[in-house]
Structures are given as C-alpha cells and as structure tokens.
Protein backbone atom coordinates (compact mmCIF):
# COMPACT_ATOMS: atom_id res chain seq x y z
CA MET A 1 -78.47 54.38 19.96
CA ALA A 2 -76.32 54.20 16.83
CA SER A 3 -73.28 55.21 18.88
CA PHE A 4 -74.10 52.49 21.42
CA PHE A 5 -74.17 49.81 18.72
CA LYS A 6 -70.89 51.13 17.30
CA VAL A 7 -69.25 50.81 20.73
CA VAL A 8 -70.66 47.31 21.22
CA SER A 9 -69.50 46.27 17.75
CA PHE A 10 -66.05 47.66 18.44
CA LEU A 11 -65.79 45.82 21.76
CA LEU A 12 -66.91 42.57 20.11
CA PHE A 13 -64.29 43.09 17.39
CA VAL A 14 -61.58 43.71 19.98
CA GLY A 15 -62.70 40.61 21.88
CA LEU A 16 -62.53 38.49 18.75
CA MET A 17 -59.08 39.85 17.93
CA VAL A 18 -57.86 39.03 21.45
CA GLU A 19 -59.22 35.48 21.15
CA ALA A 20 -57.65 35.12 17.70
CA SER A 21 -54.30 36.34 19.00
CA LYS A 22 -54.44 33.77 21.78
CA ALA A 23 -54.86 31.07 19.13
CA GLN A 24 -51.73 32.06 17.23
CA LEU A 25 -48.45 30.24 17.52
CA CYS A 26 -45.38 32.47 17.34
CA PRO A 27 -41.61 31.97 17.56
CA THR A 28 -41.24 34.49 20.42
CA PHE A 29 -43.80 32.86 22.73
CA TYR A 30 -41.27 32.04 25.49
CA ASP A 31 -39.04 35.11 25.11
CA ASP A 32 -40.16 36.49 28.48
CA SER A 33 -41.34 33.40 30.35
CA CYS A 34 -38.48 31.02 29.46
CA PRO A 35 -35.93 32.85 27.29
CA ASP A 36 -33.32 30.07 27.33
CA VAL A 37 -35.71 27.32 26.26
CA SER A 38 -33.99 26.46 22.96
CA ASN A 39 -30.53 26.30 24.50
CA ILE A 40 -31.78 24.05 27.31
CA VAL A 41 -33.43 21.67 24.86
CA ARG A 42 -30.39 21.64 22.59
CA SER A 43 -28.09 20.83 25.50
CA VAL A 44 -30.16 17.81 26.56
CA VAL A 45 -30.46 16.54 22.98
CA GLN A 46 -26.70 16.93 22.53
CA GLN A 47 -26.07 14.90 25.68
CA ALA A 48 -28.43 12.18 24.47
CA LEU A 49 -26.59 11.97 21.14
CA GLU A 50 -23.33 11.24 22.94
CA THR A 51 -24.60 7.78 23.88
CA ASP A 52 -27.36 7.24 21.29
CA ASP A 53 -26.79 7.96 17.60
CA ARG A 54 -30.51 7.58 16.93
CA ALA A 55 -31.64 10.06 19.60
CA GLY A 56 -32.46 12.75 17.04
CA ALA A 57 -34.46 10.40 14.86
CA ARG A 58 -36.38 9.17 17.91
CA LEU A 59 -37.40 12.72 18.85
CA ILE A 60 -38.53 13.82 15.40
CA ARG A 61 -40.54 10.61 15.03
CA LEU A 62 -42.35 11.40 18.29
CA HIS A 63 -43.20 14.84 16.92
CA PHE A 64 -44.54 13.34 13.66
CA HIS A 65 -46.65 10.74 15.45
CA ASP A 66 -47.98 13.39 17.81
CA CYS A 67 -49.07 15.82 15.11
CA PHE A 68 -50.78 13.23 12.91
CA VAL A 69 -53.30 12.36 15.65
CA ASP A 70 -55.58 15.28 16.60
CA GLY A 71 -52.76 17.76 16.02
CA CYS A 72 -49.57 18.64 17.86
CA ASP A 73 -50.78 18.37 21.46
CA GLY A 74 -48.37 15.99 23.22
CA SER A 75 -50.95 13.20 23.25
CA VAL A 76 -48.49 10.60 21.93
CA LEU A 77 -46.54 10.89 25.18
CA LEU A 78 -49.40 9.88 27.46
CA VAL A 79 -49.40 6.40 29.02
CA ASN A 80 -52.53 4.51 30.09
CA GLN A 81 -54.10 6.13 33.16
CA THR A 82 -57.49 7.08 34.53
CA GLY A 83 -59.42 8.72 31.71
CA VAL A 84 -56.72 8.06 29.11
CA VAL A 85 -56.33 5.15 26.69
CA SER A 86 -52.81 5.65 25.38
CA GLU A 87 -52.04 6.02 21.68
CA LEU A 88 -49.02 3.80 22.27
CA GLY A 89 -51.26 0.77 21.75
CA ALA A 90 -51.54 1.56 18.03
CA PRO A 91 -49.43 -0.61 15.67
CA GLY A 92 -47.72 2.49 14.30
CA ASN A 93 -46.46 3.33 17.79
CA ALA A 94 -45.43 -0.19 18.76
CA ASN A 95 -41.69 0.49 18.61
CA ILE A 96 -41.64 4.23 19.18
CA THR A 97 -38.95 5.40 21.62
CA GLY A 98 -37.27 8.53 22.95
CA PHE A 99 -39.52 9.14 25.95
CA ASN A 100 -36.54 9.16 28.31
CA ILE A 101 -35.01 12.05 26.37
CA VAL A 102 -38.28 13.99 26.56
CA ASP A 103 -38.37 13.31 30.31
CA ASP A 104 -34.85 14.73 30.66
CA ILE A 105 -35.75 17.82 28.64
CA LYS A 106 -38.88 18.37 30.71
CA ALA A 107 -36.94 18.03 33.96
CA ALA A 108 -34.37 20.60 32.83
CA LEU A 109 -37.08 23.05 31.76
CA GLU A 110 -39.09 22.58 34.95
CA GLU A 111 -35.99 23.50 36.90
CA ALA A 112 -35.37 26.62 34.82
CA CYS A 113 -38.96 27.80 34.32
CA PRO A 114 -41.50 25.58 36.07
CA GLY A 115 -44.96 25.13 34.59
CA VAL A 116 -44.22 27.14 31.46
CA VAL A 117 -43.14 25.00 28.48
CA SER A 118 -45.58 22.42 27.15
CA CYS A 119 -44.61 18.89 26.18
CA ALA A 120 -46.04 19.53 22.71
CA ASP A 121 -43.63 22.44 22.28
CA ILE A 122 -40.77 20.34 23.64
CA LEU A 123 -41.26 17.92 20.74
CA ALA A 124 -41.28 20.78 18.24
CA ILE A 125 -38.13 22.40 19.64
CA ALA A 126 -36.32 19.09 20.07
CA SER A 127 -36.98 18.26 16.42
CA VAL A 128 -35.28 21.35 15.04
CA GLU A 129 -32.36 20.95 17.44
CA ALA A 130 -31.95 17.26 16.51
CA VAL A 131 -31.94 18.07 12.79
CA SER A 132 -29.53 20.98 13.24
CA LEU A 133 -27.11 18.90 15.31
CA ALA A 134 -27.06 16.30 12.52
CA GLY A 135 -26.04 18.92 9.94
CA GLY A 136 -29.52 19.74 8.71
CA PRO A 137 -31.42 23.01 8.46
CA CYS A 138 -32.84 25.27 11.14
CA TRP A 139 -36.30 26.76 10.87
CA GLU A 140 -38.27 29.26 12.93
CA VAL A 141 -40.22 27.04 15.28
CA GLN A 142 -43.72 28.29 16.03
CA LEU A 143 -44.51 28.00 19.75
CA GLY A 144 -47.36 28.34 22.20
CA ARG A 145 -48.95 24.90 22.05
CA ARG A 146 -50.58 23.42 25.12
CA ASP A 147 -50.89 19.76 26.09
CA SER A 148 -54.01 17.68 25.62
CA ARG A 149 -55.86 16.10 28.52
CA THR A 150 -56.72 13.02 26.48
CA ALA A 151 -55.41 10.67 23.80
CA ASN A 152 -56.95 9.08 20.71
CA LEU A 153 -55.98 5.45 20.21
CA GLN A 154 -58.33 4.90 17.27
CA GLY A 155 -57.03 8.06 15.65
CA ALA A 156 -53.50 6.68 15.91
CA ILE A 157 -54.60 3.35 14.45
CA ASP A 158 -56.34 5.01 11.51
CA GLY A 159 -54.20 8.08 10.93
CA LEU A 160 -50.53 7.20 11.28
CA PRO A 161 -48.76 6.56 7.97
CA SER A 162 -47.48 3.00 7.57
CA PRO A 163 -44.14 1.81 6.12
CA PHE A 164 -46.13 -0.58 3.90
CA GLU A 165 -48.36 1.97 2.18
CA ASN A 166 -48.44 3.17 -1.41
CA VAL A 167 -48.42 6.77 -2.61
CA THR A 168 -52.21 7.02 -2.78
CA GLU A 169 -52.60 5.89 0.82
CA LEU A 170 -49.82 8.17 2.03
CA GLU A 171 -51.21 11.21 0.22
CA ARG A 172 -54.65 10.49 1.67
CA LYS A 173 -53.32 10.42 5.23
CA PHE A 174 -51.25 13.56 4.72
CA GLY A 175 -54.21 15.26 3.07
CA ARG A 176 -56.45 14.48 6.05
CA VAL A 177 -54.26 16.71 8.21
CA GLY A 178 -53.87 19.46 5.61
CA LEU A 179 -50.50 18.48 4.17
CA ASP A 180 -49.85 18.07 0.44
CA SER A 181 -47.59 15.86 -1.67
CA THR A 182 -44.64 18.25 -1.33
CA ASP A 183 -44.96 17.99 2.45
CA LEU A 184 -45.10 14.20 2.08
CA VAL A 185 -41.85 14.03 0.13
CA ALA A 186 -40.08 16.66 2.25
CA LEU A 187 -41.06 15.15 5.61
CA SER A 188 -40.18 11.65 4.40
CA GLY A 189 -36.66 13.04 4.05
CA ALA A 190 -36.35 12.71 7.84
CA HIS A 191 -35.50 9.10 6.97
CA THR A 192 -32.08 10.39 6.04
CA PHE A 193 -31.12 9.42 9.60
CA GLY A 194 -32.31 6.82 12.08
CA GLY A 195 -33.10 3.16 11.52
CA SER A 196 -35.82 0.57 11.06
CA ARG A 197 -36.34 -2.97 12.27
CA CYS A 198 -36.17 -5.66 9.58
CA ARG A 199 -39.79 -6.62 10.19
CA PHE A 200 -40.91 -3.40 8.52
CA PHE A 201 -39.25 -4.13 5.17
CA ASP A 202 -38.21 -7.80 4.99
CA GLY A 203 -41.29 -8.62 2.93
CA ARG A 204 -39.47 -6.92 0.06
CA LEU A 205 -36.58 -9.40 0.29
CA ASN A 206 -38.35 -12.59 -0.76
CA VAL A 207 -35.85 -14.41 -3.00
CA SER A 208 -38.50 -16.10 -5.13
CA ASN A 209 -40.55 -12.92 -5.55
CA PRO A 210 -38.32 -9.92 -4.79
CA ASP A 211 -39.52 -6.33 -4.92
CA ALA A 212 -38.65 -5.16 -8.42
CA THR A 213 -38.14 -1.58 -7.16
CA LEU A 214 -35.34 -2.66 -4.80
CA ASP A 215 -31.75 -2.72 -6.08
CA THR A 216 -30.57 -6.34 -6.17
CA THR A 217 -27.20 -5.68 -4.54
CA TYR A 218 -28.81 -3.66 -1.77
CA ALA A 219 -31.47 -6.36 -1.32
CA GLN A 220 -28.76 -8.98 -0.75
CA GLN A 221 -27.05 -6.76 1.80
CA LEU A 222 -30.35 -6.41 3.63
CA ARG A 223 -30.97 -10.17 3.58
CA GLU A 224 -27.60 -10.70 5.23
CA ALA A 225 -28.24 -7.96 7.79
CA CYS A 226 -31.66 -9.39 8.69
CA SER A 227 -30.69 -13.07 8.69
CA GLY A 228 -30.34 -13.23 12.48
CA SER A 229 -33.57 -11.58 13.61
CA ARG A 230 -36.52 -9.61 12.27
CA ASP A 231 -35.90 -7.16 15.13
CA THR A 232 -32.44 -6.23 13.84
CA PHE A 233 -32.04 -2.48 13.24
CA VAL A 234 -30.86 -1.34 9.82
CA ASN A 235 -29.95 2.23 8.89
CA LEU A 236 -32.63 4.00 6.87
CA ASP A 237 -29.89 5.68 4.83
CA PRO A 238 -27.12 3.21 3.88
CA THR A 239 -24.78 5.97 2.68
CA THR A 240 -24.64 8.64 5.44
CA PRO A 241 -26.78 7.14 8.22
CA ASP A 242 -26.13 9.73 10.94
CA ASP A 243 -26.11 12.88 8.78
CA PHE A 244 -29.12 14.97 7.83
CA ASP A 245 -28.62 15.47 4.09
CA ASN A 246 -30.35 14.85 0.77
CA ASN A 247 -28.86 11.40 0.20
CA TYR A 248 -32.26 9.93 1.07
CA TYR A 249 -33.46 11.13 -2.34
CA THR A 250 -30.43 9.99 -4.33
CA ASN A 251 -30.92 6.61 -2.65
CA LEU A 252 -34.48 6.51 -4.00
CA GLN A 253 -33.18 7.27 -7.48
CA SER A 254 -30.88 4.24 -7.09
CA ASN A 255 -33.72 1.99 -5.89
CA SER A 256 -32.19 1.95 -2.43
CA GLY A 257 -35.10 3.22 -0.36
CA LEU A 258 -35.39 0.96 2.66
CA LEU A 259 -39.14 1.03 3.30
CA THR A 260 -41.92 0.54 0.78
CA SER A 261 -43.28 3.95 1.81
CA ASP A 262 -39.91 5.47 0.88
CA GLN A 263 -39.35 3.88 -2.53
CA VAL A 264 -42.91 4.38 -3.80
CA LEU A 265 -42.30 8.14 -3.78
CA PHE A 266 -39.95 7.66 -6.73
CA SER A 267 -40.95 4.33 -8.27
CA THR A 268 -44.68 4.86 -8.73
CA PRO A 269 -45.36 5.67 -12.41
CA GLY A 270 -47.13 8.99 -12.85
CA ALA A 271 -46.99 9.96 -9.16
CA ASP A 272 -46.58 13.69 -8.58
CA THR A 273 -44.02 12.86 -5.90
CA VAL A 274 -41.43 11.73 -8.49
CA ASP A 275 -40.57 15.24 -9.70
CA THR A 276 -40.19 16.45 -6.12
CA VAL A 277 -37.81 13.59 -5.31
CA ASN A 278 -35.71 14.56 -8.33
CA ILE A 279 -35.65 18.22 -7.27
CA PHE A 280 -34.52 17.39 -3.73
CA ALA A 281 -31.95 14.88 -5.01
CA GLY A 282 -30.47 17.60 -7.20
CA SER A 283 -30.43 20.35 -4.59
CA GLN A 284 -29.81 19.85 -0.89
CA GLN A 285 -30.67 23.51 -0.27
CA GLN A 286 -34.09 23.11 -1.85
CA PHE A 287 -34.68 20.05 0.31
CA PHE A 288 -33.58 21.94 3.44
CA ASP A 289 -35.82 24.91 2.63
CA SER A 290 -38.83 22.71 1.91
CA PHE A 291 -38.23 20.50 4.94
CA GLY A 292 -38.20 23.49 7.28
CA GLN A 293 -41.43 24.86 5.79
CA SER A 294 -43.10 21.44 5.92
CA MET A 295 -42.10 21.06 9.57
CA ILE A 296 -43.77 24.41 10.26
CA ASN A 297 -46.84 23.26 8.31
CA MET A 298 -47.00 20.05 10.29
CA GLY A 299 -46.44 21.85 13.58
CA ASN A 300 -49.46 24.04 12.85
CA ILE A 301 -51.88 21.10 12.75
CA SER A 302 -54.69 21.82 15.24
CA PRO A 303 -52.62 23.09 18.19
CA LEU A 304 -54.24 23.71 21.56
CA THR A 305 -53.64 27.31 22.60
CA GLY A 306 -54.82 29.95 25.04
CA ASP A 307 -56.76 28.31 27.86
CA GLN A 308 -57.15 24.96 26.13
CA GLY A 309 -55.54 21.85 27.57
CA GLU A 310 -52.81 22.24 30.16
CA ILE A 311 -49.05 22.48 30.67
CA ARG A 312 -48.13 19.04 31.97
CA SER A 313 -45.51 18.81 34.69
CA ASN A 314 -44.88 15.20 33.66
CA CYS A 315 -45.16 14.64 29.91
CA ARG A 316 -46.43 11.09 30.38
CA ARG A 317 -49.25 11.89 32.78
CA LEU A 318 -52.04 14.39 33.22
CA ASN A 319 -51.62 16.98 35.96
C-alpha cells in the first residue's frame, strides 16, 4: 500500500511539473515550429519604418497597452464583435495605432508557419525589433503566449496609465500589475521616440498659469507648434526624436519632458523615481540594461499559455 501511494504521489508530482512547464514562457518556444519568426517580424517592421518614422513607437505602445489589461494576451487588438466589447473604446486607447503593421506581420507569419505564432507574441517580438532598429538594446524575449478570447474595456479604462497622472497614480497602476518604480522609470524611457498630440499636454502651456516644471523656452516652442490644432503631433523627445537613447532622461533634468507623466518622474520632490532618472541620464548602458529587464517583467504579466486561449489567424478577430 505504501508503495502504491508513493507511485501515485510521484505521478501527481510529474503531472504538476508538466502543467507548470506548459505555463512557462521561454525564448526558444518557436525554435522548432517557426524558427525564422524573429527575422520575419524584423523584416516587416523594417519595411514599415521606411514610410513611417513612428512605426516602432506605435508597436511598442500596443504591447504596453496590451499587457496592462489582464496581461499580455493580444486583447488590445480585438475589435467589437460578437462576444467582445473592444478595449479600443477606452480613452487611453483613443488614438492608438499600428494595427496595419501587426496585420502585415501576422500575414507574413501565417504564410511561413500557419497557426503557430500568437498575436500576443507578435507584439512582444515586434517591440524588441523596433527598439533595436532605432539603436536601442536587444533583450531575450520570452515567448509562448496565447491569445485571449475576450477583451476588458473597463480594465482598459481603469488600468491604463494616463499622460496627466502624477507619480503616486502611476506607481499605483504599475504596482497593480506587479511592476515597481524602477520599471516605471525604465519603461517610460520608451518615450525617447514617437510623438504625442498636443491635446495630451497643452494644458501645461497656459500663458497666465504655466506649468512651473516646464522649461520656458521649450514651452514657447510647444505653443507655436500647437497653435494650429490640438491634434498636431509633436515629438516626445525634442533632441533625438527617432533614436532610442537616454536623452529622454536628460530632457527631464532640463525640464523638457513633454507629458506631465514624464516630467513628474523627475520634478516630484521626494519621489523615489528621481534617483533612477539621474542614473539613467548618466549612463545609457544602465538604461538599456534596465529597459530590457523591465520589458521582460512586463511581458510576463499574466500570459495565457498551454491550452488557454487560442492562436488567432486574424489578430483583430476571434477564430
């Protein structure tokens, strides 16, 4: 009888280990099923960049907005359909773009290895390729995510960080998904490329009551840039707008962070983010190392694995 229970216990242990292994993301997940996946994604992203300087920023923003709502499961890509209320109705997703690039990546992968690579993993791979092509770091992307069969509009409304928020609010939202203040500062460094519409920062430009944390010369430049329309795009980084570097942090030190959510990382007295901004401003390598690790941390938020979810054939619709 004792031997029987030992055998049963062993089999249960093996079963649990198998289930646990199925729940693990790993960088070699597609080595056999789609070995050229990274090169295919990189090629499509490179083509997109030839006609759209902001293509990389669009892709990494999609990945961020995906992971912050119920984890990295491709839910941000879903449009309204039977059984799905899209997350794109949330204010934080109102101007999100880049879906056409994801569609092109998915089409290329479906041709090479149909039904294999998830849309959630496409966002993760596209992010590292976009950053690398802009001169930024590479990191070992963890893979094996599956796509959700639903979306969470209320989760997007409540959970997505806002460009108007202070450090306390930002740290709370990052903390809800298991990310700390170092992750907050590192991931905010993605604003070293891409742009923002004037409507997301022009409240700081009021002449009679200007934001005291905004450099006066820079503020005047922004007023001129935004004078025609609140929908005008302005570079997030006024110094090297298309390069992935640590100038985002030196800009904060000069009171030249474009969004409130950028500048508060440096200008909030006593905030634990200030020291991290100074470290990244002084060392691009430390920023690159931390950014890669924080991207891995973010990519590990509640992924669907094993038999969960599905592998969508069209990233915008359920199978």
